[in-house]
Amino acid sequence: MVFSIGLLFIGLILALPAILLGIATLGLALIPMIIFGVILLLIFTAYMGTFGSSVWTIGFMQMTAP
């Protein structure tokens, strides 16, 4: 939960220039927003992949425990 709040806070700070560009002209704001979106997507998928891997590892360890 702390990771999600921190990611949201950082995301809002980094998206601020794109939002201000979006107020001026929409076409100019699409470039940084696409880059920002790809970066957030990569961070989120890495986070979910790590979580899924740890869940499977813990489940396997519990199934094989004596």
PDB file of N, CA and C in Angstrom:
ATOM      1  N   MET A   1       0.829  -1.184   0.000  1.00  0.00           N
ATOM      2  CA  MET A   1       0.000   0.000   0.000  1.00  0.00           C
ATOM      3  C   MET A   1       0.884   1.262   0.000  1.00  0.00           C
ATOM      4  N   VAL A   2       1.950   1.215   0.758  1.00  0.00           N
ATOM      5  CA  VAL A   2       2.863   2.356   0.798  1.00  0.00           C
ATOM      6  C   VAL A   2       3.507   2.545  -0.575  1.00  0.00           C
ATOM      7  N   PHE A   3       3.854   1.425  -1.240  1.00  0.00           N
ATOM      8  CA  PHE A   3       4.438   1.497  -2.576  1.00  0.00           C
ATOM      9  C   PHE A   3       3.466   2.152  -3.543  1.00  0.00           C
ATOM     10  N   SER A   4       2.194   1.794  -3.464  1.00  0.00           N
ATOM     11  CA  SER A   4       1.192   2.368  -4.363  1.00  0.00           C
ATOM     12  C   SER A   4       1.018   3.865  -4.138  1.00  0.00           C
ATOM     13  N   ILE A   5       0.994   4.279  -2.890  1.00  0.00           N
ATOM     14  CA  ILE A   5       0.845   5.702  -2.579  1.00  0.00           C
ATOM     15  C   ILE A   5       2.081   6.475  -3.051  1.00  0.00           C
ATOM     16  N   GLY A   6       3.252   5.903  -2.827  1.00  0.00           N
ATOM     17  CA  GLY A   6       4.475   6.553  -3.288  1.00  0.00           C
ATOM     18  C   GLY A   6       4.533   6.649  -4.801  1.00  0.00           C
ATOM     19  N   LEU A   7       4.114   5.581  -5.489  1.00  0.00           N
ATOM     20  CA  LEU A   7       4.090   5.592  -6.949  1.00  0.00           C
ATOM     21  C   LEU A   7       3.094   6.623  -7.469  1.00  0.00           C
ATOM     22  N   LEU A   8       1.961   6.745  -6.823  1.00  0.00           N
ATOM     23  CA  LEU A   8       0.975   7.742  -7.221  1.00  0.00           C
ATOM     24  C   LEU A   8       1.514   9.160  -7.016  1.00  0.00           C
ATOM     25  N   PHE A   9       2.165   9.390  -5.894  1.00  0.00           N
ATOM     26  CA  PHE A   9       2.732  10.711  -5.605  1.00  0.00           C
ATOM     27  C   PHE A   9       3.813  11.080  -6.620  1.00  0.00           C
ATOM     28  N   ILE A  10       4.719  10.146  -6.884  1.00  0.00           N
ATOM     29  CA  ILE A  10       5.771  10.392  -7.875  1.00  0.00           C
ATOM     30  C   ILE A  10       5.166  10.581  -9.258  1.00  0.00           C
ATOM     31  N   GLY A  11       4.145   9.797  -9.566  1.00  0.00           N
ATOM     32  CA  GLY A  11       3.482   9.918 -10.859  1.00  0.00           C
ATOM     33  C   GLY A  11       2.841  11.281 -11.056  1.00  0.00           C
ATOM     34  N   LEU A  12       2.217  11.791 -10.027  1.00  0.00           N
ATOM     35  CA  LEU A  12       1.598  13.111 -10.136  1.00  0.00           C
ATOM     36  C   LEU A  12       2.642  14.208 -10.305  1.00  0.00           C
ATOM     37  N   ILE A  13       3.754  14.073  -9.605  1.00  0.00           N
ATOM     38  CA  ILE A  13       4.811  15.073  -9.742  1.00  0.00           C
ATOM     39  C   ILE A  13       5.399  15.041 -11.145  1.00  0.00           C
ATOM     40  N   LEU A  14       5.661  13.840 -11.657  1.00  0.00           N
ATOM     41  CA  LEU A  14       6.248  13.725 -12.983  1.00  0.00           C
ATOM     42  C   LEU A  14       5.257  14.064 -14.091  1.00  0.00           C
ATOM     43  N   ALA A  15       3.976  13.889 -13.851  1.00  0.00           N
ATOM     44  CA  ALA A  15       2.976  14.178 -14.873  1.00  0.00           C
ATOM     45  C   ALA A  15       2.603  15.661 -14.921  1.00  0.00           C
ATOM     46  N   LEU A  16       3.016  16.424 -13.943  1.00  0.00           N
ATOM     47  CA  LEU A  16       2.650  17.834 -13.896  1.00  0.00           C
ATOM     48  C   LEU A  16       3.070  18.615 -15.152  1.00  0.00           C
ATOM     49  N   PRO A  17       4.289  18.463 -15.666  1.00  0.00           N
ATOM     50  CA  PRO A  17       4.631  19.187 -16.903  1.00  0.00           C
ATOM     51  C   PRO A  17       3.751  18.781 -18.086  1.00  0.00           C
ATOM     52  N   ALA A  18       3.410  17.504 -18.188  1.00  0.00           N
ATOM     53  CA  ALA A  18       2.556  17.062 -19.286  1.00  0.00           C
ATOM     54  C   ALA A  18       1.138  17.612 -19.131  1.00  0.00           C
ATOM     55  N   ILE A  19       0.676  17.720 -17.914  1.00  0.00           N
ATOM     56  CA  ILE A  19      -0.659  18.288 -17.688  1.00  0.00           C
ATOM     57  C   ILE A  19      -0.676  19.764 -18.080  1.00  0.00           C
ATOM     58  N   LEU A  20       0.386  20.479 -17.706  1.00  0.00           N
ATOM     59  CA  LEU A  20       0.460  21.892 -18.082  1.00  0.00           C
ATOM     60  C   LEU A  20       0.576  22.052 -19.593  1.00  0.00           C
ATOM     61  N   LEU A  21       1.312  21.158 -20.253  1.00  0.00           N
ATOM     62  CA  LEU A  21       1.370  21.196 -21.708  1.00  0.00           C
ATOM     63  C   LEU A  21       0.009  20.860 -22.318  1.00  0.00           C
ATOM     64  N   GLY A  22      -0.713  19.974 -21.681  1.00  0.00           N
ATOM     65  CA  GLY A  22      -2.038  19.600 -22.170  1.00  0.00           C
ATOM     66  C   GLY A  22      -3.020  20.746 -22.109  1.00  0.00           C
ATOM     67  N   ILE A  23      -2.849  21.624 -21.144  1.00  0.00           N
ATOM     68  CA  ILE A  23      -3.706  22.800 -21.066  1.00  0.00           C
ATOM     69  C   ILE A  23      -3.431  23.720 -22.248  1.00  0.00           C
ATOM     70  N   ALA A  24      -2.139  23.830 -22.617  1.00  0.00           N
ATOM     71  CA  ALA A  24      -1.771  24.709 -23.729  1.00  0.00           C
ATOM     72  C   ALA A  24      -2.141  24.082 -25.071  1.00  0.00           C
ATOM     73  N   THR A  25      -1.702  22.867 -25.305  1.00  0.00           N
ATOM     74  CA  THR A  25      -1.987  22.187 -26.569  1.00  0.00           C
ATOM     75  C   THR A  25      -1.957  20.684 -26.346  1.00  0.00           C
ATOM     76  N   LEU A  26      -2.958  20.004 -26.833  1.00  0.00           N
ATOM     77  CA  LEU A  26      -3.094  18.572 -26.569  1.00  0.00           C
ATOM     78  C   LEU A  26      -2.041  17.754 -27.305  1.00  0.00           C
ATOM     79  N   GLY A  27      -1.728  18.092 -28.531  1.00  0.00           N
ATOM     80  CA  GLY A  27      -0.776  17.318 -29.305  1.00  0.00           C
ATOM     81  C   GLY A  27       0.613  17.299 -28.701  1.00  0.00           C
ATOM     82  N   LEU A  28       1.003  18.402 -28.132  1.00  0.00           N
ATOM     83  CA  LEU A  28       2.325  18.500 -27.533  1.00  0.00           C
ATOM     84  C   LEU A  28       2.407  17.697 -26.228  1.00  0.00           C
ATOM     85  N   ALA A  29       1.297  17.527 -25.561  1.00  0.00           N
ATOM     86  CA  ALA A  29       1.289  16.817 -24.288  1.00  0.00           C
ATOM     87  C   ALA A  29       1.285  15.302 -24.472  1.00  0.00           C
ATOM     88  N   LEU A  30       0.935  14.821 -25.646  1.00  0.00           N
ATOM     89  CA  LEU A  30       0.871  13.374 -25.848  1.00  0.00           C
ATOM     90  C   LEU A  30       2.245  12.713 -25.788  1.00  0.00           C
ATOM     91  N   ILE A  31       3.263  13.399 -26.244  1.00  0.00           N
ATOM     92  CA  ILE A  31       4.603  12.812 -26.272  1.00  0.00           C
ATOM     93  C   ILE A  31       5.108  12.475 -24.862  1.00  0.00           C
ATOM     94  N   PRO A  32       5.137  13.417 -23.919  1.00  0.00           N
ATOM     95  CA  PRO A  32       5.617  13.040 -22.582  1.00  0.00           C
ATOM     96  C   PRO A  32       4.660  12.091 -21.862  1.00  0.00           C
ATOM     97  N   MET A  33       3.370  12.182 -22.137  1.00  0.00           N
ATOM     98  CA  MET A  33       2.430  11.281 -21.472  1.00  0.00           C
ATOM     99  C   MET A  33       2.596   9.847 -21.944  1.00  0.00           C
ATOM    100  N   ILE A  34       2.916   9.639 -23.208  1.00  0.00           N
ATOM    101  CA  ILE A  34       3.149   8.284 -23.696  1.00  0.00           C
ATOM    102  C   ILE A  34       4.411   7.711 -23.054  1.00  0.00           C
ATOM    103  N   ILE A  35       5.462   8.498 -22.998  1.00  0.00           N
ATOM    104  CA  ILE A  35       6.704   8.044 -22.362  1.00  0.00           C
ATOM    105  C   ILE A  35       6.468   7.752 -20.888  1.00  0.00           C
ATOM    106  N   PHE A  36       5.765   8.634 -20.220  1.00  0.00           N
ATOM    107  CA  PHE A  36       5.455   8.458 -18.805  1.00  0.00           C
ATOM    108  C   PHE A  36       4.590   7.221 -18.585  1.00  0.00           C
ATOM    109  N   GLY A  37       3.627   7.001 -19.454  1.00  0.00           N
ATOM    110  CA  GLY A  37       2.760   5.830 -19.343  1.00  0.00           C
ATOM    111  C   GLY A  37       3.516   4.530 -19.523  1.00  0.00           C
ATOM    112  N   VAL A  38       4.452   4.497 -20.448  1.00  0.00           N
ATOM    113  CA  VAL A  38       5.256   3.294 -20.663  1.00  0.00           C
ATOM    114  C   VAL A  38       6.127   3.015 -19.442  1.00  0.00           C
ATOM    115  N   ILE A  39       6.715   4.054 -18.872  1.00  0.00           N
ATOM    116  CA  ILE A  39       7.539   3.875 -17.677  1.00  0.00           C
ATOM    117  C   ILE A  39       6.694   3.351 -16.517  1.00  0.00           C
ATOM    118  N   LEU A  40       5.517   3.916 -16.308  1.00  0.00           N
ATOM    119  CA  LEU A  40       4.643   3.424 -15.240  1.00  0.00           C
ATOM    120  C   LEU A  40       4.190   1.998 -15.491  1.00  0.00           C
ATOM    121  N   LEU A  41       3.911   1.660 -16.741  1.00  0.00           N
ATOM    122  CA  LEU A  41       3.511   0.296 -17.084  1.00  0.00           C
ATOM    123  C   LEU A  41       4.631  -0.689 -16.770  1.00  0.00           C
ATOM    124  N   LEU A  42       5.868  -0.336 -17.094  1.00  0.00           N
ATOM    125  CA  LEU A  42       6.997  -1.207 -16.794  1.00  0.00           C
ATOM    126  C   LEU A  42       7.187  -1.395 -15.286  1.00  0.00           C
ATOM    127  N   ILE A  43       7.051  -0.324 -14.533  1.00  0.00           N
ATOM    128  CA  ILE A  43       7.193  -0.420 -13.075  1.00  0.00           C
ATOM    129  C   ILE A  43       6.087  -1.292 -12.492  1.00  0.00           C
ATOM    130  N   PHE A  44       4.854  -1.102 -12.957  1.00  0.00           N
ATOM    131  CA  PHE A  44       3.727  -1.863 -12.427  1.00  0.00           C
ATOM    132  C   PHE A  44       3.850  -3.347 -12.767  1.00  0.00           C
ATOM    133  N   THR A  45       4.220  -3.675 -14.000  1.00  0.00           N
ATOM    134  CA  THR A  45       4.344  -5.087 -14.367  1.00  0.00           C
ATOM    135  C   THR A  45       5.507  -5.752 -13.628  1.00  0.00           C
ATOM    136  N   ALA A  46       6.599  -5.020 -13.380  1.00  0.00           N
ATOM    137  CA  ALA A  46       7.699  -5.577 -12.598  1.00  0.00           C
ATOM    138  C   ALA A  46       7.252  -5.848 -11.164  1.00  0.00           C
ATOM    139  N   TYR A  47       6.478  -4.936 -10.606  1.00  0.00           N
ATOM    140  CA  TYR A  47       5.967  -5.101  -9.248  1.00  0.00           C
ATOM    141  C   TYR A  47       5.031  -6.311  -9.162  1.00  0.00           C
ATOM    142  N   MET A  48       4.117  -6.434 -10.107  1.00  0.00           N
ATOM    143  CA  MET A  48       3.172  -7.548 -10.086  1.00  0.00           C
ATOM    144  C   MET A  48       3.875  -8.879 -10.369  1.00  0.00           C
ATOM    145  N   GLY A  49       4.875  -8.883 -11.232  1.00  0.00           N
ATOM    146  CA  GLY A  49       5.630 -10.108 -11.496  1.00  0.00           C
ATOM    147  C   GLY A  49       6.373 -10.584 -10.265  1.00  0.00           C
ATOM    148  N   THR A  50       6.969  -9.666  -9.531  1.00  0.00           N
ATOM    149  CA  THR A  50       7.670 -10.020  -8.302  1.00  0.00           C
ATOM    150  C   THR A  50       6.689 -10.547  -7.267  1.00  0.00           C
ATOM    151  N   PHE A  51       5.531  -9.910  -7.153  1.00  0.00           N
ATOM    152  CA  PHE A  51       4.513 -10.357  -6.202  1.00  0.00           C
ATOM    153  C   PHE A  51       4.023 -11.756  -6.551  1.00  0.00           C
ATOM    154  N   GLY A  52       3.736 -12.000  -7.831  1.00  0.00           N
ATOM    155  CA  GLY A  52       3.265 -13.315  -8.255  1.00  0.00           C
ATOM    156  C   GLY A  52       4.298 -14.396  -8.025  1.00  0.00           C
ATOM    157  N   SER A  53       5.543 -14.092  -8.293  1.00  0.00           N
ATOM    158  CA  SER A  53       6.612 -15.057  -8.076  1.00  0.00           C
ATOM    159  C   SER A  53       6.753 -15.391  -6.596  1.00  0.00           C
ATOM    160  N   SER A  54       6.655 -14.404  -5.745  1.00  0.00           N
ATOM    161  CA  SER A  54       6.786 -14.659  -4.309  1.00  0.00           C
ATOM    162  C   SER A  54       5.607 -15.467  -3.784  1.00  0.00           C
ATOM    163  N   VAL A  55       4.414 -15.227  -4.307  1.00  0.00           N
ATOM    164  CA  VAL A  55       3.240 -16.000  -3.875  1.00  0.00           C
ATOM    165  C   VAL A  55       3.404 -17.469  -4.243  1.00  0.00           C
ATOM    166  N   TRP A  56       3.852 -17.743  -5.471  1.00  0.00           N
ATOM    167  CA  TRP A  56       4.069 -19.131  -5.891  1.00  0.00           C
ATOM    168  C   TRP A  56       5.172 -19.782  -5.071  1.00  0.00           C
ATOM    169  N   THR A  57       6.233 -19.062  -4.763  1.00  0.00           N
ATOM    170  CA  THR A  57       7.325 -19.620  -3.977  1.00  0.00           C
ATOM    171  C   THR A  57       6.867 -19.952  -2.560  1.00  0.00           C
ATOM    172  N   ILE A  58       6.136 -19.053  -1.933  1.00  0.00           N
ATOM    173  CA  ILE A  58       5.641 -19.302  -0.582  1.00  0.00           C
ATOM    174  C   ILE A  58       4.654 -20.466  -0.586  1.00  0.00           C
ATOM    175  N   GLY A  59       3.782 -20.526  -1.598  1.00  0.00           N
ATOM    176  CA  GLY A  59       2.845 -21.642  -1.699  1.00  0.00           C
ATOM    177  C   GLY A  59       3.555 -22.970  -1.854  1.00  0.00           C
ATOM    178  N   PHE A  60       4.581 -23.019  -2.697  1.00  0.00           N
ATOM    179  CA  PHE A  60       5.345 -24.258  -2.883  1.00  0.00           C
ATOM    180  C   PHE A  60       6.051 -24.655  -1.590  1.00  0.00           C
ATOM    181  N   MET A  61       6.625 -23.679  -0.884  1.00  0.00           N
ATOM    182  CA  MET A  61       7.319 -23.983   0.357  1.00  0.00           C
ATOM    183  C   MET A  61       6.359 -24.532   1.413  1.00  0.00           C
ATOM    184  N   GLN A  62       5.135 -24.026   1.451  1.00  0.00           N
ATOM    185  CA  GLN A  62       4.160 -24.508   2.413  1.00  0.00           C
ATOM    186  C   GLN A  62       3.651 -25.897   2.044  1.00  0.00           C
ATOM    187  N   MET A  63       3.539 -26.163   0.730  1.00  0.00           N
ATOM    188  CA  MET A  63       3.054 -27.495   0.306  1.00  0.00           C
ATOM    189  C   MET A  63       4.103 -28.575   0.574  1.00  0.00           C
ATOM    190  N   THR A  64       5.376 -28.241   0.472  1.00  0.00           N
ATOM    191  CA  THR A  64       6.425 -29.239   0.640  1.00  0.00           C
ATOM    192  C   THR A  64       6.972 -29.299   2.060  1.00  0.00           C
ATOM    193  N   ALA A  65       6.478 -28.492   2.970  1.00  0.00           N
ATOM    194  CA  ALA A  65       6.953 -28.500   4.349  1.00  0.00           C
ATOM    195  C   ALA A  65       6.482 -29.781   5.040  1.00  0.00           C
ATOM    196  N   PRO A  66       7.289 -30.318   5.916  1.00  0.00           N
ATOM    197  CA  PRO A  66       6.887 -31.553   6.604  1.00  0.00           C
ATOM    198  C   PRO A  66       5.747 -31.349   7.578  1.00  0.00           C
TER     199      PRO A  66
END
